[in-house]
Protein backbone atom coordinates (compact mmCIF):
# COMPACT_ATOMS: atom_id res chain seq x y z
CA MET A 1 24.66 -89.34 168.44
CA ILE A 2 21.17 -87.79 168.08
CA ASN A 3 19.70 -87.06 171.51
CA SER A 4 16.06 -86.49 172.45
CA ALA A 5 16.37 -82.70 172.27
CA THR A 6 17.66 -82.91 168.71
CA ILE A 7 14.80 -85.23 167.79
CA ARG A 8 12.29 -82.71 169.17
CA VAL A 9 13.89 -79.88 167.12
CA LEU A 10 13.84 -81.96 163.94
CA ALA A 11 10.22 -82.91 164.55
CA THR A 12 9.29 -79.25 164.98
CA LEU A 13 11.10 -78.32 161.77
CA ALA A 14 9.31 -81.11 159.92
CA LEU A 15 6.00 -79.56 160.94
CA VAL A 16 6.95 -75.93 160.33
CA LEU A 17 8.90 -76.26 157.07
CA PRO A 18 5.99 -77.43 154.86
CA VAL A 19 3.87 -74.54 156.14
CA THR A 20 6.66 -72.07 155.43
CA LEU A 21 7.22 -73.44 151.93
CA SER A 22 3.49 -73.46 151.27
CA THR A 23 3.19 -69.82 152.33
CA ALA A 24 6.14 -68.79 150.14
CA ALA A 25 4.71 -70.66 147.16
CA HIS A 26 1.32 -69.04 147.67
CA ALA A 27 2.90 -65.60 147.91
CA ALA A 28 4.85 -66.15 144.69
CA SER A 29 1.89 -67.40 142.66
CA CYS A 30 -0.57 -65.44 140.56
CA GLY A 31 -4.25 -65.34 141.40
CA SER A 32 -7.70 -65.12 139.88
CA SER A 33 -9.22 -63.08 142.71
CA GLY A 34 -7.96 -60.63 145.27
CA ALA A 35 -7.70 -63.26 148.01
CA GLY A 36 -3.96 -63.82 147.73
CA PHE A 37 -2.94 -60.32 146.70
CA GLY A 38 -1.52 -59.29 150.10
CA PRO A 39 0.99 -62.18 150.41
CA TRP A 40 1.86 -61.83 146.72
CA LEU A 41 2.60 -58.11 147.17
CA ALA A 42 4.77 -58.74 150.22
CA ASN A 43 6.77 -61.26 148.20
CA PHE A 44 7.06 -58.83 145.29
CA LYS A 45 8.47 -56.15 147.62
CA ARG A 46 11.21 -58.59 148.61
CA GLN A 47 11.96 -59.27 144.94
CA ALA A 48 12.14 -55.54 144.22
CA ALA A 49 14.62 -55.01 147.05
CA ALA A 50 16.70 -57.91 145.77
CA GLN A 51 16.88 -56.16 142.37
CA GLY A 52 18.36 -53.07 143.99
CA LEU A 53 15.31 -50.83 144.21
CA SER A 54 15.37 -48.50 147.19
CA GLN A 55 13.10 -48.98 150.18
CA HIS A 56 11.88 -45.43 149.55
CA ALA A 57 10.67 -46.29 146.05
CA ILE A 58 9.17 -49.61 147.17
CA GLY A 59 7.32 -48.04 150.07
CA ALA A 60 6.22 -44.92 148.22
CA GLY A 61 4.97 -46.96 145.29
CA LEU A 62 3.44 -50.00 146.93
CA ASP A 63 2.42 -49.27 150.52
CA GLY A 64 -1.36 -49.32 150.73
CA ILE A 65 -1.84 -50.66 147.18
CA THR A 66 -4.86 -52.95 146.83
CA TYR A 67 -6.20 -55.30 144.18
CA ASP A 68 -8.54 -53.66 141.65
CA ALA A 69 -11.06 -56.04 140.11
CA ARG A 70 -12.11 -53.37 137.59
CA ILE A 71 -8.73 -53.64 135.88
CA VAL A 72 -9.12 -57.37 135.34
CA ARG A 73 -12.59 -56.84 133.85
CA LEU A 74 -11.22 -54.21 131.47
CA ASP A 75 -8.37 -56.52 130.47
CA ARG A 76 -10.87 -59.21 129.54
CA ASN A 77 -13.09 -56.86 127.53
CA GLN A 78 -10.89 -55.26 124.84
CA LYS A 79 -13.14 -55.02 121.80
CA SER A 80 -11.68 -52.30 119.56
CA PHE A 81 -8.92 -54.51 118.10
CA LYS A 82 -11.52 -57.06 117.00
CA LEU A 83 -12.90 -54.59 114.46
CA SER A 84 -12.07 -54.76 110.77
CA PHE A 85 -9.49 -52.27 109.55
CA GLU A 86 -12.19 -50.18 107.87
CA GLN A 87 -14.23 -50.02 111.08
CA PHE A 88 -11.18 -49.26 113.23
CA TYR A 89 -9.86 -46.55 110.90
CA ALA A 90 -13.26 -44.88 110.63
CA ARG A 91 -13.55 -44.72 114.41
CA ARG A 92 -10.05 -43.41 115.03
CA VAL A 93 -9.20 -41.16 112.08
CA GLY A 94 -11.31 -38.37 110.65
CA THR A 95 -10.91 -34.99 109.00
CA ALA A 96 -10.66 -33.23 112.35
CA LEU A 97 -7.79 -35.42 113.55
CA ILE A 98 -5.88 -34.95 110.29
CA THR A 99 -6.39 -31.16 110.53
CA ARG A 100 -5.10 -31.10 114.11
CA ALA A 101 -2.13 -33.26 113.12
CA ARG A 102 -1.14 -30.86 110.36
CA ALA A 103 -1.38 -27.98 112.81
CA ARG A 104 0.96 -29.79 115.21
CA LEU A 105 3.44 -30.39 112.42
CA LYS A 106 3.65 -26.61 111.96
CA THR A 107 3.56 -25.64 115.63
CA HIS A 108 6.32 -28.06 116.65
CA ARG A 109 8.38 -27.83 113.46
CA ALA A 110 11.62 -26.88 115.22
CA THR A 111 11.34 -29.72 117.75
CA LEU A 112 10.41 -32.21 115.04
CA ASP A 113 13.42 -31.08 112.99
CA ARG A 114 15.65 -31.98 115.94
CA VAL A 115 13.85 -35.27 116.48
CA GLU A 116 14.31 -36.30 112.85
CA ARG A 117 17.99 -35.38 112.88
CA GLN A 118 18.72 -37.27 116.09
CA PHE A 119 16.55 -40.36 115.70
CA GLY A 120 15.91 -40.66 111.95
CA VAL A 121 12.15 -41.15 112.37
CA PRO A 122 9.87 -39.05 110.14
CA ARG A 123 7.75 -36.45 111.88
CA GLU A 124 4.60 -37.77 110.24
CA ILE A 125 4.97 -41.13 111.95
CA VAL A 126 5.58 -39.55 115.35
CA VAL A 127 2.68 -37.12 115.01
CA ALA A 128 0.33 -39.85 113.76
CA ILE A 129 1.09 -41.92 116.87
CA TRP A 130 0.63 -38.86 119.09
CA GLY A 131 -2.76 -38.13 117.58
CA LEU A 132 -4.00 -41.70 117.61
CA GLU A 133 -2.93 -42.40 121.17
CA THR A 134 -4.35 -39.39 123.01
CA ASN A 135 -5.54 -36.78 120.48
CA PHE A 136 -2.27 -34.88 121.06
CA GLY A 137 -2.55 -35.08 124.84
CA ALA A 138 -6.19 -34.00 125.06
CA ASP A 139 -7.36 -37.49 126.02
CA THR A 140 -4.66 -38.31 128.54
CA SER A 141 -6.67 -39.73 131.40
CA GLY A 142 -5.50 -39.66 134.98
CA LYS A 143 -8.36 -41.88 136.03
CA PHE A 144 -6.29 -44.88 137.09
CA SER A 145 -3.36 -45.32 139.44
CA ILE A 146 -0.69 -46.81 137.20
CA ILE A 147 0.98 -48.60 140.12
CA ARG A 148 -2.30 -50.16 141.29
CA SER A 149 -3.28 -51.16 137.75
CA VAL A 150 0.06 -52.75 136.93
CA ALA A 151 0.26 -54.48 140.33
CA THR A 152 -3.21 -55.97 139.76
CA LEU A 153 -2.22 -57.22 136.29
CA ALA A 154 1.09 -58.57 137.60
CA TYR A 155 -0.81 -60.60 140.19
CA ASP A 156 -3.52 -61.71 137.73
CA CYS A 157 -2.62 -65.00 136.03
CA ARG A 158 -3.34 -64.03 132.41
CA ARG A 159 -0.19 -61.95 131.81
CA SER A 160 1.56 -62.12 135.15
CA ALA A 161 5.16 -62.38 133.91
CA PHE A 162 4.80 -59.44 131.51
CA PHE A 163 3.25 -57.10 134.06
CA THR A 164 5.60 -58.15 136.86
CA GLY A 165 8.38 -56.59 134.76
CA GLN A 166 6.25 -53.52 134.15
CA LEU A 167 5.66 -53.10 137.88
CA MET A 168 9.36 -53.38 138.62
CA ASP A 169 10.06 -50.65 136.07
CA ALA A 170 7.28 -48.43 137.43
CA LEU A 171 9.18 -48.47 140.71
CA ARG A 172 12.39 -47.61 138.82
CA ILE A 173 10.68 -44.49 137.44
CA ILE A 174 10.01 -43.44 141.03
CA ASP A 175 13.51 -44.41 142.15
CA ASN A 176 15.08 -42.32 139.38
CA ALA A 177 12.92 -39.30 140.39
CA HIS A 178 11.36 -38.86 136.96
CA MET A 179 7.84 -39.08 138.37
CA ARG A 180 6.37 -39.17 141.86
CA PRO A 181 3.91 -41.95 142.73
CA GLU A 182 0.99 -39.52 142.76
CA GLU A 183 1.90 -38.40 139.22
CA LEU A 184 1.77 -41.97 137.93
CA ARG A 185 -1.82 -41.84 136.80
CA GLY A 186 -3.03 -42.85 133.36
CA GLY A 187 -4.63 -45.66 131.41
CA TRP A 188 -6.10 -48.77 132.99
CA ALA A 189 -3.25 -50.99 131.71
CA GLY A 190 -0.50 -48.71 133.03
CA GLU A 191 -0.05 -46.41 130.02
CA ILE A 192 1.85 -43.22 130.81
CA GLY A 193 1.56 -39.87 129.10
CA GLN A 194 0.71 -38.46 125.71
CA THR A 195 1.86 -41.42 123.64
CA GLN A 196 0.95 -44.03 126.25
CA PHE A 197 4.27 -45.62 127.22
CA LEU A 198 4.16 -48.62 129.50
CA PRO A 199 6.72 -48.49 132.34
CA THR A 200 9.33 -50.75 130.70
CA PRO A 201 9.49 -48.78 127.42
CA TYR A 202 9.58 -45.64 129.57
CA VAL A 203 12.68 -46.87 131.39
CA ARG A 204 14.34 -48.02 128.15
CA PHE A 205 13.43 -45.25 125.71
CA ALA A 206 12.13 -42.11 127.44
CA VAL A 207 14.26 -39.05 126.66
CA ASP A 208 14.78 -35.74 128.43
CA PHE A 209 14.64 -33.65 125.25
CA ASP A 210 13.86 -30.29 126.84
CA GLY A 211 16.88 -30.50 129.16
CA ASP A 212 15.08 -30.00 132.47
CA GLY A 213 16.52 -33.15 134.05
CA ARG A 214 13.27 -35.15 133.94
CA LYS A 215 11.80 -37.52 131.38
CA ASP A 216 8.30 -36.08 131.43
CA LEU A 217 5.92 -37.80 129.03
CA ILE A 218 2.85 -36.11 130.50
CA HIS A 219 3.62 -32.39 130.23
CA SER A 220 6.68 -31.96 127.97
CA VAL A 221 5.93 -32.13 124.23
CA PRO A 222 9.67 -32.32 123.33
CA ASP A 223 10.11 -35.28 125.68
CA VAL A 224 6.98 -36.95 124.26
CA LEU A 225 8.03 -36.60 120.61
CA ALA A 226 11.66 -37.56 121.13
CA SER A 227 10.81 -40.55 123.32
CA THR A 228 8.35 -41.87 120.75
CA ALA A 229 10.97 -41.58 118.01
CA ASN A 230 13.60 -43.16 120.25
CA PHE A 231 11.31 -46.15 120.84
CA LEU A 232 10.98 -46.70 117.09
CA LYS A 233 14.71 -46.23 116.50
CA GLY A 234 15.43 -48.68 119.30
CA HIS A 235 13.25 -51.26 117.57
CA GLY A 236 15.13 -50.98 114.28
CA TRP A 237 13.67 -48.04 112.36
CA LYS A 238 15.66 -47.39 109.17
CA ALA A 239 16.13 -43.69 108.52
CA GLY A 240 15.16 -42.51 105.06
CA GLN A 241 13.31 -45.70 104.15
CA SER A 242 9.66 -46.39 103.39
CA TRP A 243 7.08 -47.43 105.96
CA GLU A 244 4.87 -49.16 103.40
CA PRO A 245 3.59 -52.71 104.10
CA GLY A 246 6.35 -55.26 103.65
CA SER A 247 9.10 -52.83 104.65
CA THR A 248 11.34 -53.07 107.72
CA ASN A 249 9.82 -49.89 109.07
CA TYR A 250 6.30 -51.21 108.72
CA ALA A 251 7.34 -54.14 110.92
CA VAL A 252 8.76 -51.67 113.45
CA ILE A 253 5.39 -49.94 113.67
CA LYS A 254 3.97 -53.26 114.84
CA ASP A 255 6.42 -53.16 117.73
CA TRP A 256 4.59 -50.04 118.85
CA ASN A 257 1.26 -51.85 118.83
CA ARG A 258 0.84 -55.53 117.98
CA ALA A 259 -2.67 -55.08 116.56
CA GLY A 260 -2.54 -55.22 112.76
CA VAL A 261 -5.38 -52.70 112.41
CA TYR A 262 -3.45 -50.19 114.54
CA GLN A 263 -0.21 -50.75 112.65
CA ARG A 264 -1.95 -50.12 109.33
CA THR A 265 -3.78 -47.07 110.68
CA ILE A 266 -0.52 -45.42 111.83
CA ALA A 267 1.08 -46.04 108.43
CA ILE A 268 -1.86 -44.71 106.40
CA MET A 269 -2.36 -41.65 108.59
CA ALA A 270 1.36 -40.83 108.38
CA SER A 271 1.27 -41.19 104.59
CA LYS A 272 -1.65 -38.76 104.40
CA LEU A 273 0.27 -36.25 106.52
CA ALA A 274 3.26 -36.66 104.21
CA GLY A 275 1.06 -35.99 101.17
CA ARG A 276 1.45 -39.49 99.73
């Protein structure tokens, strides 16, 4: 028998439950402004804990993080990949870059020998990527907080699912003690280090090649070169084969960067370095 007290409890639940569900749904949704970022972040922290991330990593990475509208504006205003190949190549590759690349091939010959033996990726490809991404580390910007950038993009509706995974892996980098939160500074879209790894590729492919116990893609050239080669190997690079258009390896280059102009630029620059 349902008594009056039970009826009152059920009535209260009927009023409270829709509000609770509405709040949870709001927290789980993406947004087009910063208005819902706080509830969304609180919900994300719960998701991170459910995936086994430590409270230390969650707190160190996310406490105090706020929405950054600048990141969304930058995400909407990417113009360089709309250029023709000729325009893109002329902007990114010149005599000076080729000269510096050839110097790096000599300076890091021993490391590149090891990289080629272990991963099967030609040094010219690795060095071309290194040069194009950050001018061999010279243009590595620490302007943006990677955690804040990736959290903003995870909350933003345009690519929420993709960047939610990136944010989870940024916390894994902290949890695994490879980088401290204050070291996670880089590009506006969350790019890390001298060849601009996003957090998920970092977790999957970064290599401690200098043996110091850390996967350091900001300061360690051996780690940078080996990790870049490991990424390409992990995406199906075929050792000893061509990287010309139409080849398997040319398709792998596109896994590094989906823009066709960038893919072609890497291949042509690497061929020049190889004397082809």
